Amino acid sequence: MLPKTPKSTFWKFVKGSAKTLFVIEAVCFAASYAVYYRMNTNREFRHYINENYPFVLDYYYKVGEAIGNSNLREIDSTIWRAQQKKDN
């Protein structure tokens, strides 16, 4: 019977790092999908993003326009302008 040799510290580190990286990647994917889903279904959240992080909303609109024939940018801006006029 072959004697068991302990695994080297390097391989333990690599294996542990790979597991950690996989978990972090899964969490980041889930968080990004949650934000995308909320942006896709909630106009008020898109307005909040537009006020605070306009570059993120611009990328969201670009992806929507690239994937399909989306005119969501025009619809949102029309509604937001109408709300702004109503508020003033």
PDB file of N, CA and C in Angstrom:
ATOM      1  N   MET A   1       0.844  -1.172   0.000  1.00  0.00           N
ATOM      2  CA  MET A   1       0.000   0.000   0.000  1.00  0.00           C
ATOM      3  C   MET A   1       0.887   1.231   0.000  1.00  0.00           C
ATOM      4  N   LEU A   2       0.515   2.201  -0.802  1.00  0.00           N
ATOM      5  CA  LEU A   2       1.307   3.415  -0.902  1.00  0.00           C
ATOM      6  C   LEU A   2       1.078   4.307   0.325  1.00  0.00           C
ATOM      7  N   PRO A   3       2.135   4.879   0.830  1.00  0.00           N
ATOM      8  CA  PRO A   3       1.950   5.784   1.979  1.00  0.00           C
ATOM      9  C   PRO A   3       1.345   7.110   1.502  1.00  0.00           C
ATOM     10  N   LYS A   4       0.482   7.668   2.331  1.00  0.00           N
ATOM     11  CA  LYS A   4      -0.139   8.943   1.995  1.00  0.00           C
ATOM     12  C   LYS A   4       0.828  10.073   2.329  1.00  0.00           C
ATOM     13  N   THR A   5       0.984  10.952   1.376  1.00  0.00           N
ATOM     14  CA  THR A   5       1.850  12.109   1.619  1.00  0.00           C
ATOM     15  C   THR A   5       0.966  13.339   1.763  1.00  0.00           C
ATOM     16  N   PRO A   6       1.309  14.214   2.649  1.00  0.00           N
ATOM     17  CA  PRO A   6       0.482  15.416   2.815  1.00  0.00           C
ATOM     18  C   PRO A   6       0.589  16.323   1.585  1.00  0.00           C
ATOM     19  N   LYS A   7      -0.519  17.025   1.293  1.00  0.00           N
ATOM     20  CA  LYS A   7      -0.520  17.937   0.158  1.00  0.00           C
ATOM     21  C   LYS A   7       0.329  19.157   0.493  1.00  0.00           C
ATOM     22  N   SER A   8       0.947  19.697  -0.516  1.00  0.00           N
ATOM     23  CA  SER A   8       1.797  20.851  -0.284  1.00  0.00           C
ATOM     24  C   SER A   8       0.951  22.078   0.046  1.00  0.00           C
ATOM     25  N   THR A   9       1.547  23.005   0.707  1.00  0.00           N
ATOM     26  CA  THR A   9       0.856  24.230   1.095  1.00  0.00           C
ATOM     27  C   THR A   9       0.441  25.030  -0.130  1.00  0.00           C
ATOM     28  N   PHE A  10       1.262  24.974  -1.171  1.00  0.00           N
ATOM     29  CA  PHE A  10       0.952  25.701  -2.399  1.00  0.00           C
ATOM     30  C   PHE A  10      -0.365  25.227  -2.997  1.00  0.00           C
ATOM     31  N   TRP A  11      -0.561  23.916  -3.092  1.00  0.00           N
ATOM     32  CA  TRP A  11      -1.784  23.396  -3.692  1.00  0.00           C
ATOM     33  C   TRP A  11      -2.996  23.673  -2.811  1.00  0.00           C
ATOM     34  N   LYS A  12      -2.824  23.660  -1.508  1.00  0.00           N
ATOM     35  CA  LYS A  12      -3.926  24.034  -0.622  1.00  0.00           C
ATOM     36  C   LYS A  12      -4.314  25.486  -0.854  1.00  0.00           C
ATOM     37  N   PHE A  13      -3.324  26.354  -1.036  1.00  0.00           N
ATOM     38  CA  PHE A  13      -3.579  27.763  -1.287  1.00  0.00           C
ATOM     39  C   PHE A  13      -4.293  27.956  -2.626  1.00  0.00           C
ATOM     40  N   VAL A  14      -3.839  27.258  -3.649  1.00  0.00           N
ATOM     41  CA  VAL A  14      -4.454  27.379  -4.973  1.00  0.00           C
ATOM     42  C   VAL A  14      -5.901  26.899  -4.937  1.00  0.00           C
ATOM     43  N   LYS A  15      -6.139  25.776  -4.308  1.00  0.00           N
ATOM     44  CA  LYS A  15      -7.483  25.221  -4.224  1.00  0.00           C
ATOM     45  C   LYS A  15      -8.408  26.140  -3.434  1.00  0.00           C
ATOM     46  N   GLY A  16      -7.946  26.652  -2.312  1.00  0.00           N
ATOM     47  CA  GLY A  16      -8.744  27.577  -1.506  1.00  0.00           C
ATOM     48  C   GLY A  16      -9.012  28.882  -2.242  1.00  0.00           C
ATOM     49  N   SER A  17      -8.018  29.379  -2.959  1.00  0.00           N
ATOM     50  CA  SER A  17      -8.199  30.620  -3.726  1.00  0.00           C
ATOM     51  C   SER A  17      -9.199  30.426  -4.858  1.00  0.00           C
ATOM     52  N   ALA A  18      -9.146  29.284  -5.515  1.00  0.00           N
ATOM     53  CA  ALA A  18     -10.081  29.004  -6.603  1.00  0.00           C
ATOM     54  C   ALA A  18     -11.519  28.957  -6.078  1.00  0.00           C
ATOM     55  N   LYS A  19     -11.716  28.323  -4.938  1.00  0.00           N
ATOM     56  CA  LYS A  19     -13.052  28.263  -4.343  1.00  0.00           C
ATOM     57  C   LYS A  19     -13.536  29.658  -3.973  1.00  0.00           C
ATOM     58  N   THR A  20     -12.664  30.446  -3.373  1.00  0.00           N
ATOM     59  CA  THR A  20     -13.026  31.804  -2.979  1.00  0.00           C
ATOM     60  C   THR A  20     -13.362  32.648  -4.197  1.00  0.00           C
ATOM     61  N   LEU A  21     -12.563  32.542  -5.227  1.00  0.00           N
ATOM     62  CA  LEU A  21     -12.805  33.294  -6.447  1.00  0.00           C
ATOM     63  C   LEU A  21     -14.129  32.900  -7.086  1.00  0.00           C
ATOM     64  N   PHE A  22     -14.442  31.628  -7.083  1.00  0.00           N
ATOM     65  CA  PHE A  22     -15.706  31.159  -7.635  1.00  0.00           C
ATOM     66  C   PHE A  22     -16.892  31.724  -6.860  1.00  0.00           C
ATOM     67  N   VAL A  23     -16.815  31.732  -5.542  1.00  0.00           N
ATOM     68  CA  VAL A  23     -17.899  32.268  -4.716  1.00  0.00           C
ATOM     69  C   VAL A  23     -18.068  33.769  -4.954  1.00  0.00           C
ATOM     70  N   ILE A  24     -16.949  34.497  -5.012  1.00  0.00           N
ATOM     71  CA  ILE A  24     -17.009  35.943  -5.249  1.00  0.00           C
ATOM     72  C   ILE A  24     -17.621  36.232  -6.616  1.00  0.00           C
ATOM     73  N   GLU A  25     -17.235  35.465  -7.615  1.00  0.00           N
ATOM     74  CA  GLU A  25     -17.769  35.654  -8.958  1.00  0.00           C
ATOM     75  C   GLU A  25     -19.270  35.374  -8.996  1.00  0.00           C
ATOM     76  N   ALA A  26     -19.723  34.352  -8.313  1.00  0.00           N
ATOM     77  CA  ALA A  26     -21.151  34.031  -8.273  1.00  0.00           C
ATOM     78  C   ALA A  26     -21.940  35.133  -7.570  1.00  0.00           C
ATOM     79  N   VAL A  27     -21.403  35.665  -6.484  1.00  0.00           N
ATOM     80  CA  VAL A  27     -22.073  36.751  -5.765  1.00  0.00           C
ATOM     81  C   VAL A  27     -22.152  38.003  -6.634  1.00  0.00           C
ATOM     82  N   CYS A  28     -21.069  38.334  -7.319  1.00  0.00           N
ATOM     83  CA  CYS A  28     -21.058  39.512  -8.195  1.00  0.00           C
ATOM     84  C   CYS A  28     -22.043  39.342  -9.352  1.00  0.00           C
ATOM     85  N   PHE A  29     -22.119  38.149  -9.920  1.00  0.00           N
ATOM     86  CA  PHE A  29     -23.073  37.893 -10.994  1.00  0.00           C
ATOM     87  C   PHE A  29     -24.502  38.050 -10.498  1.00  0.00           C
ATOM     88  N   ALA A  30     -24.800  37.505  -9.321  1.00  0.00           N
ATOM     89  CA  ALA A  30     -26.151  37.616  -8.770  1.00  0.00           C
ATOM     90  C   ALA A  30     -26.503  39.075  -8.482  1.00  0.00           C
ATOM     91  N   ALA A  31     -25.569  39.841  -7.945  1.00  0.00           N
ATOM     92  CA  ALA A  31     -25.825  41.252  -7.655  1.00  0.00           C
ATOM     93  C   ALA A  31     -26.038  42.051  -8.940  1.00  0.00           C
ATOM     94  N   SER A  32     -25.232  41.787  -9.960  1.00  0.00           N
ATOM     95  CA  SER A  32     -25.393  42.524 -11.212  1.00  0.00           C
ATOM     96  C   SER A  32     -26.710  42.164 -11.886  1.00  0.00           C
ATOM     97  N   TYR A  33     -27.124  40.918 -11.814  1.00  0.00           N
ATOM     98  CA  TYR A  33     -28.412  40.534 -12.377  1.00  0.00           C
ATOM     99  C   TYR A  33     -29.555  41.197 -11.612  1.00  0.00           C
ATOM    100  N   ALA A  34     -29.436  41.285 -10.286  1.00  0.00           N
ATOM    101  CA  ALA A  34     -30.482  41.925  -9.485  1.00  0.00           C
ATOM    102  C   ALA A  34     -30.620  43.404  -9.855  1.00  0.00           C
ATOM    103  N   VAL A  35     -29.506  44.092 -10.050  1.00  0.00           N
ATOM    104  CA  VAL A  35     -29.556  45.500 -10.448  1.00  0.00           C
ATOM    105  C   VAL A  35     -30.145  45.625 -11.849  1.00  0.00           C
ATOM    106  N   TYR A  36     -29.739  44.765 -12.771  1.00  0.00           N
ATOM    107  CA  TYR A  36     -30.280  44.790 -14.129  1.00  0.00           C
ATOM    108  C   TYR A  36     -31.790  44.541 -14.106  1.00  0.00           C
ATOM    109  N   TYR A  37     -32.228  43.576 -13.339  1.00  0.00           N
ATOM    110  CA  TYR A  37     -33.649  43.262 -13.267  1.00  0.00           C
ATOM    111  C   TYR A  37     -34.441  44.449 -12.720  1.00  0.00           C
ATOM    112  N   ARG A  38     -33.888  45.082 -11.676  1.00  0.00           N
ATOM    113  CA  ARG A  38     -34.575  46.233 -11.087  1.00  0.00           C
ATOM    114  C   ARG A  38     -34.612  47.401 -12.070  1.00  0.00           C
ATOM    115  N   MET A  39     -33.527  47.613 -12.804  1.00  0.00           N
ATOM    116  CA  MET A  39     -33.522  48.675 -13.807  1.00  0.00           C
ATOM    117  C   MET A  39     -34.497  48.364 -14.931  1.00  0.00           C
ATOM    118  N   ASN A  40     -34.653  47.122 -15.244  1.00  0.00           N
ATOM    119  CA  ASN A  40     -35.520  46.710 -16.337  1.00  0.00           C
ATOM    120  C   ASN A  40     -37.000  46.818 -15.978  1.00  0.00           C
ATOM    121  N   THR A  41     -37.341  46.776 -14.708  1.00  0.00           N
ATOM    122  CA  THR A  41     -38.741  46.739 -14.306  1.00  0.00           C
ATOM    123  C   THR A  41     -39.203  47.967 -13.537  1.00  0.00           C
ATOM    124  N   ASN A  42     -38.305  48.879 -13.160  1.00  0.00           N
ATOM    125  CA  ASN A  42     -38.672  49.976 -12.284  1.00  0.00           C
ATOM    126  C   ASN A  42     -38.161  51.302 -12.857  1.00  0.00           C
ATOM    127  N   ARG A  43     -39.085  52.123 -13.388  1.00  0.00           N
ATOM    128  CA  ARG A  43     -38.706  53.401 -13.986  1.00  0.00           C
ATOM    129  C   ARG A  43     -38.167  54.371 -12.936  1.00  0.00           C
ATOM    130  N   GLU A  44     -38.716  54.342 -11.719  1.00  0.00           N
ATOM    131  CA  GLU A  44     -38.227  55.239 -10.672  1.00  0.00           C
ATOM    132  C   GLU A  44     -36.786  54.907 -10.299  1.00  0.00           C
ATOM    133  N   PHE A  45     -36.424  53.638 -10.301  1.00  0.00           N
ATOM    134  CA  PHE A  45     -35.042  53.248 -10.031  1.00  0.00           C
ATOM    135  C   PHE A  45     -34.126  53.733 -11.157  1.00  0.00           C
ATOM    136  N   ARG A  46     -34.603  53.645 -12.404  1.00  0.00           N
ATOM    137  CA  ARG A  46     -33.818  54.176 -13.521  1.00  0.00           C
ATOM    138  C   ARG A  46     -33.620  55.675 -13.380  1.00  0.00           C
ATOM    139  N   HIS A  47     -34.641  56.374 -12.889  1.00  0.00           N
ATOM    140  CA  HIS A  47     -34.505  57.817 -12.676  1.00  0.00           C
ATOM    141  C   HIS A  47     -33.474  58.103 -11.589  1.00  0.00           C
ATOM    142  N   TYR A  48     -33.488  57.318 -10.522  1.00  0.00           N
ATOM    143  CA  TYR A  48     -32.481  57.457  -9.465  1.00  0.00           C
ATOM    144  C   TYR A  48     -31.081  57.212 -10.017  1.00  0.00           C
ATOM    145  N   ILE A  49     -30.935  56.186 -10.822  1.00  0.00           N
ATOM    146  CA  ILE A  49     -29.639  55.887 -11.435  1.00  0.00           C
ATOM    147  C   ILE A  49     -29.229  57.020 -12.368  1.00  0.00           C
ATOM    148  N   ASN A  50     -30.178  57.577 -13.096  1.00  0.00           N
ATOM    149  CA  ASN A  50     -29.883  58.678 -14.008  1.00  0.00           C
ATOM    150  C   ASN A  50     -29.377  59.900 -13.249  1.00  0.00           C
ATOM    151  N   GLU A  51     -29.946  60.162 -12.095  1.00  0.00           N
ATOM    152  CA  GLU A  51     -29.516  61.319 -11.302  1.00  0.00           C
ATOM    153  C   GLU A  51     -28.155  61.103 -10.661  1.00  0.00           C
ATOM    154  N   ASN A  52     -27.866  59.894 -10.222  1.00  0.00           N
ATOM    155  CA  ASN A  52     -26.642  59.641  -9.462  1.00  0.00           C
ATOM    156  C   ASN A  52     -25.520  58.998 -10.268  1.00  0.00           C
ATOM    157  N   TYR A  53     -25.859  58.127 -11.195  1.00  0.00           N
ATOM    158  CA  TYR A  53     -24.862  57.404 -11.990  1.00  0.00           C
ATOM    159  C   TYR A  53     -25.290  57.388 -13.453  1.00  0.00           C
ATOM    160  N   PRO A  54     -25.256  58.523 -14.141  1.00  0.00           N
ATOM    161  CA  PRO A  54     -25.786  58.561 -15.511  1.00  0.00           C
ATOM    162  C   PRO A  54     -25.038  57.659 -16.491  1.00  0.00           C
ATOM    163  N   PHE A  55     -23.740  57.412 -16.262  1.00  0.00           N
ATOM    164  CA  PHE A  55     -22.983  56.539 -17.168  1.00  0.00           C
ATOM    165  C   PHE A  55     -23.500  55.106 -17.117  1.00  0.00           C
ATOM    166  N   VAL A  56     -23.984  54.667 -15.959  1.00  0.00           N
ATOM    167  CA  VAL A  56     -24.532  53.304 -15.835  1.00  0.00           C
ATOM    168  C   VAL A  56     -25.812  53.189 -16.652  1.00  0.00           C
ATOM    169  N   LEU A  57     -26.665  54.199 -16.546  1.00  0.00           N
ATOM    170  CA  LEU A  57     -27.913  54.171 -17.307  1.00  0.00           C
ATOM    171  C   LEU A  57     -27.649  54.241 -18.799  1.00  0.00           C
ATOM    172  N   ASP A  58     -26.633  54.992 -19.197  1.00  0.00           N
ATOM    173  CA  ASP A  58     -26.282  55.076 -20.610  1.00  0.00           C
ATOM    174  C   ASP A  58     -25.867  53.699 -21.137  1.00  0.00           C
ATOM    175  N   TYR A  59     -25.058  52.973 -20.377  1.00  0.00           N
ATOM    176  CA  TYR A  59     -24.670  51.617 -20.786  1.00  0.00           C
ATOM    177  C   TYR A  59     -25.886  50.690 -20.841  1.00  0.00           C
ATOM    178  N   TYR A  60     -26.797  50.848 -19.878  1.00  0.00           N
ATOM    179  CA  TYR A  60     -28.017  50.031 -19.875  1.00  0.00           C
ATOM    180  C   TYR A  60     -28.814  50.260 -21.158  1.00  0.00           C
ATOM    181  N   TYR A  61     -28.986  51.534 -21.535  1.00  0.00           N
ATOM    182  CA  TYR A  61     -29.719  51.858 -22.754  1.00  0.00           C
ATOM    183  C   TYR A  61     -28.985  51.330 -23.987  1.00  0.00           C
ATOM    184  N   LYS A  62     -27.656  51.448 -24.014  1.00  0.00           N
ATOM    185  CA  LYS A  62     -26.888  50.967 -25.169  1.00  0.00           C
ATOM    186  C   LYS A  62     -27.029  49.458 -25.343  1.00  0.00           C
ATOM    187  N   VAL A  63     -27.001  48.725 -24.241  1.00  0.00           N
ATOM    188  CA  VAL A  63     -27.171  47.270 -24.308  1.00  0.00           C
ATOM    189  C   VAL A  63     -28.572  46.939 -24.816  1.00  0.00           C
ATOM    190  N   GLY A  64     -29.580  47.641 -24.312  1.00  0.00           N
ATOM    191  CA  GLY A  64     -30.947  47.410 -24.766  1.00  0.00           C
ATOM    192  C   GLY A  64     -31.124  47.710 -26.234  1.00  0.00           C
ATOM    193  N   GLU A  65     -30.482  48.768 -26.711  1.00  0.00           N
ATOM    194  CA  GLU A  65     -30.589  49.117 -28.124  1.00  0.00           C
ATOM    195  C   GLU A  65     -29.824  48.124 -29.002  1.00  0.00           C
ATOM    196  N   ALA A  66     -28.712  47.589 -28.499  1.00  0.00           N
ATOM    197  CA  ALA A  66     -27.930  46.628 -29.272  1.00  0.00           C
ATOM    198  C   ALA A  66     -28.641  45.274 -29.359  1.00  0.00           C
ATOM    199  N   ILE A  67     -29.279  44.882 -28.277  1.00  0.00           N
ATOM    200  CA  ILE A  67     -29.936  43.579 -28.244  1.00  0.00           C
ATOM    201  C   ILE A  67     -31.230  43.595 -29.055  1.00  0.00           C
ATOM    202  N   GLY A  68     -32.024  44.628 -28.851  1.00  0.00           N
ATOM    203  CA  GLY A  68     -33.311  44.680 -29.531  1.00  0.00           C
ATOM    204  C   GLY A  68     -33.597  46.073 -30.025  1.00  0.00           C
ATOM    205  N   ASN A  69     -34.789  46.241 -30.495  1.00  0.00           N
ATOM    206  CA  ASN A  69     -35.201  47.536 -31.009  1.00  0.00           C
ATOM    207  C   ASN A  69     -35.855  48.306 -29.871  1.00  0.00           C
ATOM    208  N   SER A  70     -35.068  48.736 -28.904  1.00  0.00           N
ATOM    209  CA  SER A  70     -35.579  49.361 -27.698  1.00  0.00           C
ATOM    210  C   SER A  70     -35.592  50.879 -27.835  1.00  0.00           C
ATOM    211  N   ASN A  71     -36.724  51.473 -27.517  1.00  0.00           N
ATOM    212  CA  ASN A  71     -36.821  52.927 -27.482  1.00  0.00           C
ATOM    213  C   ASN A  71     -37.111  53.395 -26.057  1.00  0.00           C
ATOM    214  N   LEU A  72     -36.625  52.665 -25.106  1.00  0.00           N
ATOM    215  CA  LEU A  72     -36.859  52.952 -23.691  1.00  0.00           C
ATOM    216  C   LEU A  72     -36.245  54.287 -23.286  1.00  0.00           C
ATOM    217  N   ARG A  73     -35.136  54.658 -23.883  1.00  0.00           N
ATOM    218  CA  ARG A  73     -34.482  55.926 -23.558  1.00  0.00           C
ATOM    219  C   ARG A  73     -35.424  57.100 -23.850  1.00  0.00           C
ATOM    220  N   GLU A  74     -36.067  57.093 -25.005  1.00  0.00           N
ATOM    221  CA  GLU A  74     -36.974  58.174 -25.379  1.00  0.00           C
ATOM    222  C   GLU A  74     -38.216  58.193 -24.491  1.00  0.00           C
ATOM    223  N   ILE A  75     -38.735  57.029 -24.184  1.00  0.00           N
ATOM    224  CA  ILE A  75     -39.923  56.942 -23.334  1.00  0.00           C
ATOM    225  C   ILE A  75     -39.616  57.494 -21.947  1.00  0.00           C
ATOM    226  N   ASP A  76     -38.495  57.069 -21.368  1.00  0.00           N
ATOM    227  CA  ASP A  76     -38.120  57.558 -20.042  1.00  0.00           C
ATOM    228  C   ASP A  76     -37.916  59.066 -20.036  1.00  0.00           C
ATOM    229  N   SER A  77     -37.184  59.582 -21.028  1.00  0.00           N
ATOM    230  CA  SER A  77     -36.924  61.025 -21.036  1.00  0.00           C
ATOM    231  C   SER A  77     -38.213  61.815 -21.216  1.00  0.00           C
ATOM    232  N   THR A  78     -39.151  61.310 -22.010  1.00  0.00           N
ATOM    233  CA  THR A  78     -40.437  61.990 -22.185  1.00  0.00           C
ATOM    234  C   THR A  78     -41.215  62.019 -20.879  1.00  0.00           C
ATOM    235  N   ILE A  79     -41.276  60.909 -20.197  1.00  0.00           N
ATOM    236  CA  ILE A  79     -42.009  60.837 -18.931  1.00  0.00           C
ATOM    237  C   ILE A  79     -41.343  61.701 -17.872  1.00  0.00           C
ATOM    238  N   TRP A  80     -40.012  61.680 -17.801  1.00  0.00           N
ATOM    239  CA  TRP A  80     -39.312  62.479 -16.792  1.00  0.00           C
ATOM    240  C   TRP A  80     -39.475  63.971 -17.054  1.00  0.00           C
ATOM    241  N   ARG A  81     -39.468  64.385 -18.332  1.00  0.00           N
ATOM    242  CA  ARG A  81     -39.695  65.802 -18.647  1.00  0.00           C
ATOM    243  C   ARG A  81     -41.105  66.215 -18.277  1.00  0.00           C
ATOM    244  N   ALA A  82     -42.083  65.356 -18.536  1.00  0.00           N
ATOM    245  CA  ALA A  82     -43.471  65.662 -18.184  1.00  0.00           C
ATOM    246  C   ALA A  82     -43.629  65.784 -16.667  1.00  0.00           C
ATOM    247  N   GLN A  83     -42.971  64.907 -15.916  1.00  0.00           N
ATOM    248  CA  GLN A  83     -43.026  64.980 -14.462  1.00  0.00           C
ATOM    249  C   GLN A  83     -42.348  66.241 -13.957  1.00  0.00           C
ATOM    250  N   GLN A  84     -41.256  66.629 -14.595  1.00  0.00           N
ATOM    251  CA  GLN A  84     -40.540  67.832 -14.197  1.00  0.00           C
ATOM    252  C   GLN A  84     -41.392  69.072 -14.428  1.00  0.00           C
ATOM    253  N   LYS A  85     -42.103  69.127 -15.548  1.00  0.00           N
ATOM    254  CA  LYS A  85     -42.990  70.254 -15.830  1.00  0.00           C
ATOM    255  C   LYS A  85     -44.133  70.297 -14.836  1.00  0.00           C
ATOM    256  N   LYS A  86     -44.653  69.117 -14.486  1.00  0.00           N
ATOM    257  CA  LYS A  86     -45.753  69.045 -13.530  1.00  0.00           C
ATOM    258  C   LYS A  86     -45.304  69.529 -12.152  1.00  0.00           C
ATOM    259  N   ASP A  87     -44.081  69.164 -11.755  1.00  0.00           N
ATOM    260  CA  ASP A  87     -43.565  69.559 -10.441  1.00  0.00           C
ATOM    261  C   ASP A  87     -43.304  71.060 -10.351  1.00  0.00           C
ATOM    262  N   ASN A  88     -42.921  71.662 -11.472  1.00  0.00           N
ATOM    263  CA  ASN A  88     -42.617  73.114 -11.467  1.00  0.00           C
ATOM    264  C   ASN A  88     -43.865  73.881 -11.695  1.00  0.00           C
TER     265      ASN A  88
END
